[in-house]
Protein backbone atom coordinates (compact mmCIF):
# COMPACT_ATOMS: atom_id res chain seq x y z
CA MET A 1 -49.04 -2.64 11.70
CA SER A 2 -49.58 -1.42 8.34
CA THR A 3 -52.26 -4.07 6.14
CA SER A 4 -51.63 -1.86 3.18
CA ALA A 5 -52.94 -4.30 -0.04
CA THR A 6 -49.93 -2.85 -2.02
CA PRO A 7 -46.45 -4.69 -1.33
CA PRO A 8 -43.57 -2.75 -0.22
CA GLU A 9 -41.17 -1.68 -2.80
CA GLY A 10 -37.93 -3.95 -3.34
CA ALA A 11 -36.57 -7.64 -4.11
CA TRP A 12 -37.77 -9.14 -1.60
CA SER A 13 -41.57 -7.04 -1.70
CA GLY A 14 -44.13 -10.74 -1.91
CA ARG A 15 -42.59 -11.72 1.42
CA PHE A 16 -42.99 -8.48 3.10
CA SER A 17 -46.91 -6.53 4.93
CA GLU A 18 -45.45 -3.19 5.00
CA PRO A 19 -42.01 -1.44 4.31
CA VAL A 20 -39.04 -0.56 5.07
CA SER A 21 -39.12 2.39 7.74
CA GLU A 22 -37.13 5.47 6.62
CA ILE A 23 -34.30 5.60 9.14
CA VAL A 24 -34.13 1.43 8.31
CA LYS A 25 -33.86 2.84 4.68
CA ARG A 26 -30.75 4.73 6.03
CA TYR A 27 -28.98 2.01 8.12
CA THR A 28 -29.32 -0.81 5.90
CA ALA A 29 -28.91 1.33 2.65
CA SER A 30 -24.65 0.79 1.39
CA ILE A 31 -25.79 3.01 -2.30
CA PRO A 32 -24.15 6.04 -0.52
CA PHE A 33 -20.93 4.09 -1.05
CA ASP A 34 -20.83 1.44 -2.85
CA TYR A 35 -22.32 2.60 -6.62
CA ARG A 36 -18.81 3.28 -6.94
CA LEU A 37 -19.13 -0.59 -7.50
CA ALA A 38 -20.98 -0.05 -10.40
CA ALA A 39 -19.36 -0.46 -13.40
CA PHE A 40 -17.25 -3.57 -12.15
CA ASP A 41 -21.19 -4.35 -11.30
CA ILE A 42 -21.70 -4.17 -15.27
CA GLN A 43 -18.69 -5.93 -15.64
CA GLY A 44 -19.80 -8.94 -13.87
CA SER A 45 -23.49 -8.49 -15.03
CA LEU A 46 -22.22 -8.91 -18.74
CA ALA A 47 -20.56 -12.24 -18.28
CA HIS A 48 -22.65 -13.82 -16.18
CA ALA A 49 -25.69 -13.02 -19.54
CA ALA A 50 -22.93 -14.34 -21.70
CA MET A 51 -22.72 -17.69 -19.86
CA LEU A 52 -26.46 -17.76 -19.37
CA HIS A 53 -26.71 -17.76 -23.16
CA HIS A 54 -23.77 -20.48 -24.04
CA VAL A 55 -25.42 -22.52 -21.54
CA GLY A 56 -29.29 -21.54 -23.16
CA VAL A 57 -30.80 -20.55 -20.24
CA LEU A 58 -30.82 -17.10 -21.88
CA SER A 59 -31.28 -16.05 -25.50
CA GLN A 60 -29.85 -13.86 -28.30
CA ASP A 61 -32.53 -11.14 -28.14
CA ASP A 62 -32.00 -11.00 -24.55
CA LEU A 63 -28.79 -10.96 -24.12
CA GLU A 64 -28.24 -8.29 -26.77
CA ALA A 65 -30.77 -6.16 -25.34
CA ILE A 66 -28.57 -6.38 -21.74
CA ARG A 67 -25.61 -5.38 -23.52
CA ARG A 68 -27.34 -2.56 -24.88
CA GLY A 69 -29.04 -1.60 -22.19
CA MET A 70 -25.85 -1.75 -19.97
CA ALA A 71 -24.07 0.10 -22.35
CA GLU A 72 -26.02 3.08 -22.07
CA LEU A 73 -26.51 2.80 -18.42
CA LEU A 74 -22.48 2.61 -17.62
CA GLU A 75 -22.43 5.51 -20.64
CA GLU A 76 -24.98 7.46 -17.56
CA ILE A 77 -23.13 6.66 -14.49
CA ARG A 78 -19.97 8.12 -16.03
CA ALA A 79 -21.30 10.79 -17.07
CA GLY A 80 -22.86 11.49 -13.35
CA ARG A 81 -26.99 11.46 -15.06
CA PHE A 82 -27.41 8.11 -13.02
CA ALA A 83 -29.97 8.96 -10.80
CA TRP A 84 -29.19 6.49 -7.73
CA SER A 85 -32.08 5.42 -5.32
CA LEU A 86 -31.92 4.42 -1.37
CA ASP A 87 -35.25 2.40 -1.93
CA LYS A 88 -32.91 0.49 -4.18
CA GLU A 89 -30.64 -0.40 -1.43
CA ASP A 90 -27.42 -0.65 -3.21
CA VAL A 91 -26.10 -0.32 -6.14
CA HIS A 92 -27.24 -3.82 -7.22
CA LEU A 93 -30.61 -3.48 -7.49
CA ASN A 94 -30.57 0.33 -8.50
CA ILE A 95 -29.01 -1.25 -11.91
CA GLU A 96 -31.17 -4.22 -12.42
CA ALA A 97 -33.93 -1.64 -11.66
CA ALA A 98 -32.54 0.86 -14.69
CA LEU A 99 -32.15 -2.06 -16.66
CA THR A 100 -35.57 -2.94 -17.04
CA ALA A 101 -36.19 -0.16 -17.06
CA LYS A 102 -35.23 0.06 -20.16
CA ILE A 103 -35.35 -3.26 -21.81
CA GLY A 104 -37.90 -5.13 -20.15
CA ASP A 105 -38.35 -8.67 -19.32
CA ALA A 106 -34.50 -9.32 -20.61
CA GLY A 107 -33.83 -7.37 -17.60
CA LYS A 108 -35.51 -9.46 -14.59
CA ARG A 109 -34.15 -13.02 -16.71
CA LEU A 110 -30.08 -10.95 -16.21
CA HIS A 111 -30.36 -12.34 -12.22
CA THR A 112 -31.18 -16.08 -13.26
CA GLY A 113 -28.75 -18.22 -11.52
CA ARG A 114 -27.03 -15.62 -9.42
CA SER A 115 -27.98 -13.92 -5.45
CA ARG A 116 -26.90 -10.57 -4.58
CA ASN A 117 -24.51 -12.75 -2.44
CA ASP A 118 -22.15 -14.04 -5.21
CA GLN A 119 -22.61 -10.75 -7.28
CA VAL A 120 -21.44 -9.12 -4.67
CA ALA A 121 -18.36 -10.93 -3.73
CA THR A 122 -17.51 -10.84 -7.00
CA ASP A 123 -18.03 -7.15 -7.28
CA ILE A 124 -15.27 -6.03 -4.85
CA ARG A 125 -12.90 -8.65 -6.23
CA LEU A 126 -12.70 -6.97 -9.10
CA TYR A 127 -12.89 -3.59 -7.74
CA LEU A 128 -9.73 -4.79 -5.19
CA ARG A 129 -8.23 -6.75 -8.35
CA ASP A 130 -7.96 -3.33 -10.65
CA ALA A 131 -6.96 -1.68 -7.30
CA ILE A 132 -3.92 -3.40 -6.61
CA ASP A 133 -2.75 -3.21 -10.05
CA ARG A 134 -2.57 0.46 -9.20
CA ILE A 135 -0.82 0.45 -6.05
CA THR A 136 1.16 -2.05 -7.52
CA ALA A 137 2.02 0.61 -10.61
CA GLY A 138 2.43 3.20 -7.64
CA ILE A 139 5.19 2.00 -5.67
CA ARG A 140 6.83 2.01 -8.94
CA ALA A 141 6.68 4.85 -9.74
CA CYS A 142 7.56 5.29 -5.47
CA GLN A 143 10.96 2.79 -6.48
CA SER A 144 11.69 4.79 -9.50
CA SER A 145 11.98 7.90 -7.41
CA LEU A 146 14.32 6.75 -4.83
CA VAL A 147 16.77 4.84 -7.27
CA ASP A 148 16.82 8.35 -9.22
CA LEU A 149 18.01 10.36 -6.02
CA ALA A 150 20.02 7.49 -4.73
CA GLU A 151 21.67 7.33 -8.08
CA ALA A 152 22.33 11.58 -7.12
CA HIS A 153 23.85 10.84 -4.08
CA ALA A 154 25.61 7.05 -3.90
CA ASP A 155 28.91 9.22 -2.88
CA THR A 156 27.27 11.01 -0.74
CA VAL A 157 28.18 10.70 2.76
CA MET A 158 25.81 10.35 5.85
CA PRO A 159 25.33 9.59 9.60
CA GLY A 160 23.84 5.84 10.17
CA PHE A 161 22.02 5.64 12.87
CA THR A 162 20.95 3.18 15.52
CA HIS A 163 19.19 3.97 18.68
CA LEU A 164 18.88 8.10 16.30
CA GLN A 165 22.43 8.35 17.50
CA VAL A 166 25.60 8.54 15.17
CA ALA A 167 26.72 5.16 14.54
CA GLN A 168 29.11 4.42 11.78
CA PRO A 169 28.82 5.96 7.91
CA VAL A 170 27.17 5.24 5.33
CA THR A 171 25.82 6.57 1.98
CA PHE A 172 22.51 9.05 1.06
CA GLY A 173 21.98 6.77 -2.10
CA HIS A 174 22.28 3.63 0.08
CA HIS A 175 19.69 5.00 3.09
CA LEU A 176 17.47 5.54 0.47
CA LEU A 177 18.32 1.92 -1.31
CA ALA A 178 16.54 0.89 2.05
CA TYR A 179 13.18 1.88 0.99
CA PHE A 180 13.57 0.60 -1.85
CA GLU A 181 13.69 -2.68 -0.25
CA MET A 182 10.96 -2.30 1.76
CA LEU A 183 9.07 -1.25 -1.47
CA ALA A 184 10.29 -3.95 -3.15
CA ARG A 185 8.81 -6.81 -0.35
CA ASP A 186 5.31 -4.61 -0.39
CA ALA A 187 5.37 -5.03 -4.43
CA GLY A 188 5.28 -8.75 -3.98
CA ARG A 189 3.08 -9.26 -0.70
CA MET A 190 0.54 -7.39 -3.00
CA ALA A 191 1.16 -9.62 -6.29
CA ASP A 192 0.80 -12.56 -3.41
CA CYS A 193 -2.49 -10.89 -2.88
CA ARG A 194 -3.91 -10.20 -6.17
CA ARG A 195 -3.63 -14.35 -6.95
CA ARG A 196 -5.78 -14.76 -3.67
CA VAL A 197 -8.47 -11.78 -4.77
CA ASN A 198 -8.46 -13.65 -8.70
CA ARG A 199 -11.03 -16.26 -8.27
CA LEU A 200 -14.34 -16.28 -8.88
CA PRO A 201 -17.10 -16.69 -6.84
CA LEU A 202 -20.04 -16.05 -9.09
CA GLY A 203 -21.42 -18.76 -9.62
CA ALA A 204 -21.79 -19.38 -4.92
CA ALA A 205 -25.55 -18.05 -5.60
CA ALA A 206 -26.78 -17.24 -1.92
CA LEU A 207 -24.50 -20.15 -0.19
CA ALA A 208 -25.10 -23.68 -2.09
CA GLY A 209 -24.49 -23.03 -5.78
CA THR A 210 -28.08 -23.78 -8.22
CA SER A 211 -30.02 -25.69 -9.90
CA TYR A 212 -29.22 -24.12 -13.71
CA PRO A 213 -26.43 -25.41 -16.16
CA ILE A 214 -24.22 -22.78 -15.55
CA ASP A 215 -20.08 -22.67 -16.65
CA ARG A 216 -18.32 -21.47 -14.48
CA GLU A 217 -15.36 -21.33 -16.32
CA PHE A 218 -17.05 -19.76 -18.77
CA VAL A 219 -17.33 -16.47 -16.72
CA ALA A 220 -13.89 -16.53 -14.82
CA ARG A 221 -12.11 -16.69 -18.71
CA GLU A 222 -15.09 -13.85 -19.52
CA LEU A 223 -13.88 -11.72 -16.23
CA GLY A 224 -9.96 -12.69 -16.17
CA PHE A 225 -9.87 -14.44 -13.70
CA GLU A 226 -7.18 -17.69 -12.48
CA GLY A 227 -10.16 -20.09 -11.27
CA VAL A 228 -12.72 -20.18 -9.75
CA CYS A 229 -13.59 -20.60 -5.82
CA GLU A 230 -14.52 -24.16 -4.95
CA ASN A 231 -16.94 -23.82 -2.33
CA SER A 232 -20.15 -21.71 -2.76
CA LEU A 233 -20.19 -21.07 1.46
CA ASP A 234 -16.72 -19.82 1.97
CA ALA A 235 -17.20 -17.80 -1.65
CA VAL A 236 -20.09 -15.49 -0.16
CA SER A 237 -18.97 -15.33 3.33
CA ASP A 238 -15.00 -14.51 3.59
CA ARG A 239 -13.40 -11.66 3.14
CA ASP A 240 -10.11 -12.81 3.47
CA PHE A 241 -8.66 -11.77 0.45
CA ALA A 242 -9.67 -8.18 1.88
CA ILE A 243 -8.28 -8.01 5.04
CA GLU A 244 -4.51 -9.82 3.24
CA PHE A 245 -5.16 -6.69 1.24
CA THR A 246 -5.77 -4.29 4.19
CA ALA A 247 -2.50 -5.81 5.93
CA ALA A 248 -0.48 -5.85 3.00
CA ALA A 249 -1.37 -1.55 2.79
CA ALA A 250 -1.40 -1.35 6.06
CA LEU A 251 2.51 -2.31 5.64
CA VAL A 252 2.72 -0.29 2.46
CA MET A 253 1.70 2.60 4.45
CA THR A 254 4.00 1.94 7.94
CA HIS A 255 7.00 2.18 5.35
CA LEU A 256 6.49 5.04 4.07
CA SER A 257 4.95 6.50 7.52
CA ARG A 258 8.58 5.90 8.53
CA LEU A 259 10.15 7.48 5.58
CA SER A 260 8.07 10.25 6.31
CA GLU A 261 9.40 10.32 10.23
CA GLU A 262 12.88 10.78 8.46
CA LEU A 263 11.73 13.82 6.08
CA ILE A 264 10.62 15.54 8.83
CA LEU A 265 13.75 15.05 10.57
CA TRP A 266 16.18 15.93 8.25
CA MET A 267 13.97 18.95 7.24
CA SER A 268 14.63 20.20 11.17
CA PRO A 269 17.23 22.95 11.04
CA ARG A 270 18.97 20.05 14.14
CA PHE A 271 19.27 17.81 11.41
CA GLY A 272 19.34 20.25 7.79
CA PHE A 273 20.26 17.34 5.89
CA ILE A 274 17.09 18.08 3.26
CA ASP A 275 14.41 20.79 2.26
CA LEU A 276 11.30 19.44 0.54
CA ALA A 277 9.53 21.53 -2.61
CA ASP A 278 7.24 24.38 -1.33
CA ARG A 279 4.86 22.66 -3.28
CA PHE A 280 4.17 19.86 -0.33
CA CYS A 281 4.67 22.01 2.40
CA THR A 282 2.04 24.77 3.86
CA GLY A 283 3.31 27.51 6.49
CA SER A 284 1.13 29.11 9.96
CA SER A 285 -1.03 30.89 10.80
CA ILE A 286 0.74 33.01 13.26
CA MET A 287 4.62 32.57 12.59
CA PRO A 288 4.94 33.74 9.20
CA GLN A 289 9.04 31.75 8.87
CA LYS A 290 7.41 28.59 9.32
CA LYS A 291 7.86 25.60 7.13
CA ASN A 292 6.17 22.37 8.21
CA PRO A 293 6.56 19.40 6.32
CA ASP A 294 2.38 18.89 6.20
CA VAL A 295 2.57 15.94 3.46
CA PRO A 296 5.03 13.63 5.26
CA GLU A 297 2.80 14.15 8.98
CA LEU A 298 -0.18 13.72 6.76
CA VAL A 299 1.87 10.26 5.56
CA ARG A 300 2.11 9.64 9.41
CA GLY A 301 -1.51 10.79 10.27
CA LYS A 302 -3.17 8.01 7.97
CA THR A 303 -1.08 5.42 8.78
CA GLY A 304 -2.67 5.11 11.70
CA ARG A 305 -6.62 5.14 9.93
CA VAL A 306 -5.43 2.58 7.64
CA ASN A 307 -3.83 0.14 10.36
CA GLY A 308 -7.50 0.97 11.87
CA HIS A 309 -8.78 -0.16 8.77
CA LEU A 310 -7.23 -3.78 8.76
CA VAL A 311 -8.85 -3.64 13.12
CA ALA A 312 -12.26 -3.30 12.06
CA LEU A 313 -11.84 -5.73 8.68
CA LEU A 314 -10.38 -8.31 11.49
CA THR A 315 -13.16 -7.79 14.03
CA LEU A 316 -16.02 -7.37 11.31
CA MET A 317 -15.18 -11.47 10.55
CA LYS A 318 -13.91 -12.86 13.99
CA GLY A 319 -17.39 -13.47 14.78
CA GLN A 320 -19.63 -14.96 11.75
CA PRO A 321 -20.85 -18.55 10.80
CA LEU A 322 -21.36 -19.26 7.58
CA ALA A 323 -22.71 -18.54 4.80
CA TYR A 324 -23.00 -14.12 4.07
CA ASN A 325 -24.21 -11.80 6.69
CA LYS A 326 -25.52 -8.66 6.63
CA ASP A 327 -22.59 -7.73 8.79
CA ASN A 328 -20.21 -8.26 5.60
CA GLN A 329 -21.85 -4.68 3.77
CA GLU A 330 -19.69 -3.46 6.79
CA ASP A 331 -16.58 -4.77 4.61
CA LYS A 332 -16.91 -1.73 1.67
CA GLU A 333 -15.92 1.13 3.50
CA PRO A 334 -12.51 0.43 5.24
CA LEU A 335 -11.51 -1.15 1.72
CA PHE A 336 -11.81 1.47 0.29
CA ASP A 337 -10.49 4.27 2.15
CA THR A 338 -7.31 1.68 2.36
CA ALA A 339 -7.30 1.46 -1.70
CA ASP A 340 -7.37 5.84 -1.93
CA THR A 341 -5.44 6.53 0.70
CA LEU A 342 -2.80 4.06 -1.01
CA ILE A 343 -3.00 5.27 -3.78
CA ASP A 344 -3.09 8.58 -3.32
CA THR A 345 0.14 8.86 -0.14
CA LEU A 346 1.98 6.43 -3.37
CA THR A 347 1.05 8.95 -5.92
CA ILE A 348 2.13 12.45 -4.38
CA TYR A 349 5.03 10.38 -2.65
CA ALA A 350 6.74 9.63 -6.16
CA ASP A 351 6.76 13.27 -6.78
CA MET A 352 7.46 14.44 -3.32
CA LEU A 353 11.25 12.61 -3.61
CA ARG A 354 11.63 14.03 -6.73
CA GLY A 355 11.33 17.53 -5.34
CA VAL A 356 13.89 16.84 -2.09
CA THR A 357 16.95 19.05 -2.26
CA VAL A 358 19.89 17.41 -0.40
CA LYS A 359 22.85 19.31 1.68
CA PRO A 360 25.51 16.98 1.53
CA ASP A 361 27.28 19.68 3.94
CA ALA A 362 25.63 19.41 6.64
CA MET A 363 24.92 15.65 6.61
CA ARG A 364 29.00 15.22 6.40
CA ALA A 365 29.37 17.59 9.34
CA ALA A 366 26.94 15.26 11.61
CA ALA A 367 28.89 12.26 10.36
CA MET A 368 32.24 14.15 11.78
CA GLN A 369 30.42 14.74 15.24
CA GLY A 370 29.95 11.20 16.54
CA TYR A 371 32.83 8.71 16.40
CA ALA A 372 31.55 7.32 13.76
CA THR A 373 34.44 5.54 12.71
CA ALA A 374 35.18 3.81 15.70
CA THR A 375 34.10 0.39 14.46
CA ASP A 376 36.80 1.07 11.25
CA LEU A 377 39.73 1.50 14.18
CA ALA A 378 38.52 -1.79 16.26
CA ASP A 379 38.22 -3.25 12.86
CA TYR A 380 41.46 -1.86 11.80
CA LEU A 381 43.05 -3.38 15.74
CA VAL A 382 41.43 -7.13 14.96
CA LYS A 383 42.91 -7.05 11.29
CA LYS A 384 46.29 -6.62 13.06
CA GLY A 385 45.74 -9.65 15.50
CA VAL A 386 43.75 -8.11 18.19
CA PRO A 387 41.22 -10.08 19.68
CA PHE A 388 37.77 -7.92 19.25
CA ARG A 389 37.02 -7.81 22.76
CA ASP A 390 39.55 -6.53 23.55
CA ALA A 391 40.04 -4.30 20.26
CA HIS A 392 36.59 -2.49 21.06
CA GLU A 393 38.11 -1.44 24.98
CA VAL A 394 40.73 0.16 23.32
CA VAL A 395 38.58 1.46 20.98
CA ALA A 396 36.45 2.61 23.69
CA ARG A 397 38.72 4.30 25.85
CA ALA A 398 39.87 6.66 22.95
CA VAL A 399 36.87 7.94 22.15
CA ARG A 400 36.41 9.12 25.73
CA ALA A 401 39.76 11.10 25.44
CA ALA A 402 38.86 12.31 22.09
CA GLU A 403 35.96 13.45 23.63
CA GLY A 404 37.26 14.77 26.93
CA SER A 405 39.14 16.84 24.31
CA ASN A 406 36.64 17.85 21.85
CA ARG A 407 38.76 16.19 18.93
CA ASP A 408 37.69 13.17 16.42
CA LEU A 409 39.25 10.48 15.93
CA ALA A 410 41.18 11.06 12.88
CA ASP A 411 42.40 14.72 15.32
CA LEU A 412 44.73 12.23 17.58
CA PRO A 413 47.89 12.05 16.85
CA LEU A 414 49.91 8.84 16.33
CA ALA A 415 51.89 8.92 19.15
CA GLU A 416 48.36 9.38 21.15
CA LEU A 417 46.55 6.45 19.84
CA GLN A 418 49.58 3.95 20.35
CA ALA A 419 49.31 4.64 23.97
CA PHE A 420 46.30 2.78 23.81
CA SER A 421 47.32 0.22 21.80
CA PRO A 422 51.35 -0.33 20.45
CA VAL A 423 50.26 -2.17 16.89
CA ILE A 424 48.60 1.12 15.78
CA ASP A 425 51.12 2.59 12.91
CA ASP A 426 50.26 5.43 10.71
CA ASP A 427 48.38 3.49 8.20
CA VAL A 428 45.33 4.10 10.95
CA TYR A 429 44.81 7.66 9.41
CA ALA A 430 43.46 6.07 6.38
CA VAL A 431 40.95 4.30 7.63
CA LEU A 432 38.93 6.74 10.09
CA THR A 433 38.42 9.37 7.27
CA LEU A 434 34.74 8.64 6.38
CA GLU A 435 35.39 8.22 2.21
CA GLY A 436 37.98 5.29 4.15
CA SER A 437 35.25 3.49 6.17
CA LEU A 438 32.53 3.47 3.85
CA ALA A 439 35.25 2.71 0.91
CA ALA A 440 36.11 -0.61 3.48
CA ARG A 441 32.14 -1.82 3.32
CA ASP A 442 32.73 -3.45 -0.30
CA HIS A 443 30.07 -6.67 -0.91
CA VAL A 444 26.43 -6.82 -1.81
CA GLY A 445 24.50 -4.70 0.78
CA GLY A 446 27.36 -2.57 1.84
CA THR A 447 27.68 1.41 1.52
CA ALA A 448 30.50 1.45 -0.44
CA PRO A 449 30.16 3.76 -3.07
CA ARG A 450 31.21 1.14 -5.80
CA GLN A 451 27.98 -1.49 -4.13
CA VAL A 452 25.41 1.62 -4.13
CA ARG A 453 26.25 1.95 -8.22
CA ALA A 454 25.94 -1.66 -7.95
CA ALA A 455 22.39 -1.76 -6.69
CA ILE A 456 21.29 0.72 -8.51
CA ALA A 457 21.53 -0.86 -11.46
CA ARG A 458 20.13 -4.31 -10.40
CA ALA A 459 17.24 -2.01 -8.79
CA ARG A 460 16.51 -0.21 -11.91
CA SER A 461 16.58 -3.32 -13.83
CA ARG A 462 14.18 -4.88 -10.89
CA ILE A 463 11.27 -2.33 -11.82
CA LYS A 464 11.67 -2.56 -15.59
């Protein structure tokens, strides 16, 4: 063991008799990824300094020096001129050391009444609040693109599927609005999460609070927090707000992954329902005819990545005793990547939806292939007084007969239909058309074009 009289460099250097090894420096350092918290760290530090002056702990001269020094540092960081040091381990110590080098003892006084534990918890909440606001804007942009596309195709007939089998006719606009509703719930979850993120941990110090006469509500107001974390142990140690965000993000990605799966299927020649703009596709290195839907495929893949981050954060927290533990350093990379992935996905998706070309003829032909109006025939019989289970059996036999002769139900002559049930009359053909089937679902939430347009109007008002 070294007996060097020169203490090692660091915020706790006086306690140790030998320097940290180089591999431990690399292993424990968070500066390779938490440097991105710099602007939020400075924001939090300025509010803390203002509070210390407010309660009489920091002089006016020191406060002005801190403000001046921080402004210079922020400019250097944004311009890429700041020299990050692995020796200083993290973003907080890097900024504090650089500030002290600029303004002297005033920089050393800045950390009065706080710990890195409550400092980093505050920085992460400031970062995440900003990320949620950007994500919410991205969700709204995707919803707007969905509504625009739905409005253009409020009357476009396509097959609705269950079990990936043709079930009943719907309009393409109605189908798209299903994803609008999913994203609306996603936005609601993000708003709920933001309220729990938006609580101030600063003032909890290392774990027990501080003996200085701090004013936590002052800092909360300065930083736009809705309140303070009520328990100092909880404030520095839990990351449930990050887990909740990642869970909400995983749901957004899951919804976009489902839509991606449909875009991929619809673009396939076997469906041929849509085409994607070339800027969202790539070719093949060997097959010159290929146009591959790489973007929606990557959305599917990146959804697994975000889901993995959720599991990682849950696992990170499950065995930690109170209060702060170094394990929590591992919260940042999955959190940052989740936010980055979701923001980028929403940005590209809003544009990709504007680049969808719809092929109505192919959609209509597919709707004609699977006896999509069979349920309408059953409903017709019920309205004529036939019990539903009997009507179901009648239609099943009619479908089997039509299938055997490669005809649609609407192609069966009246006499043949009446052989299955004598209550059938020539008015049956009005309900066996695709348009008749759509028009019959004329209620809130139904696929009738009139209802789809009404839903579009409501949707537009919800995203204003």
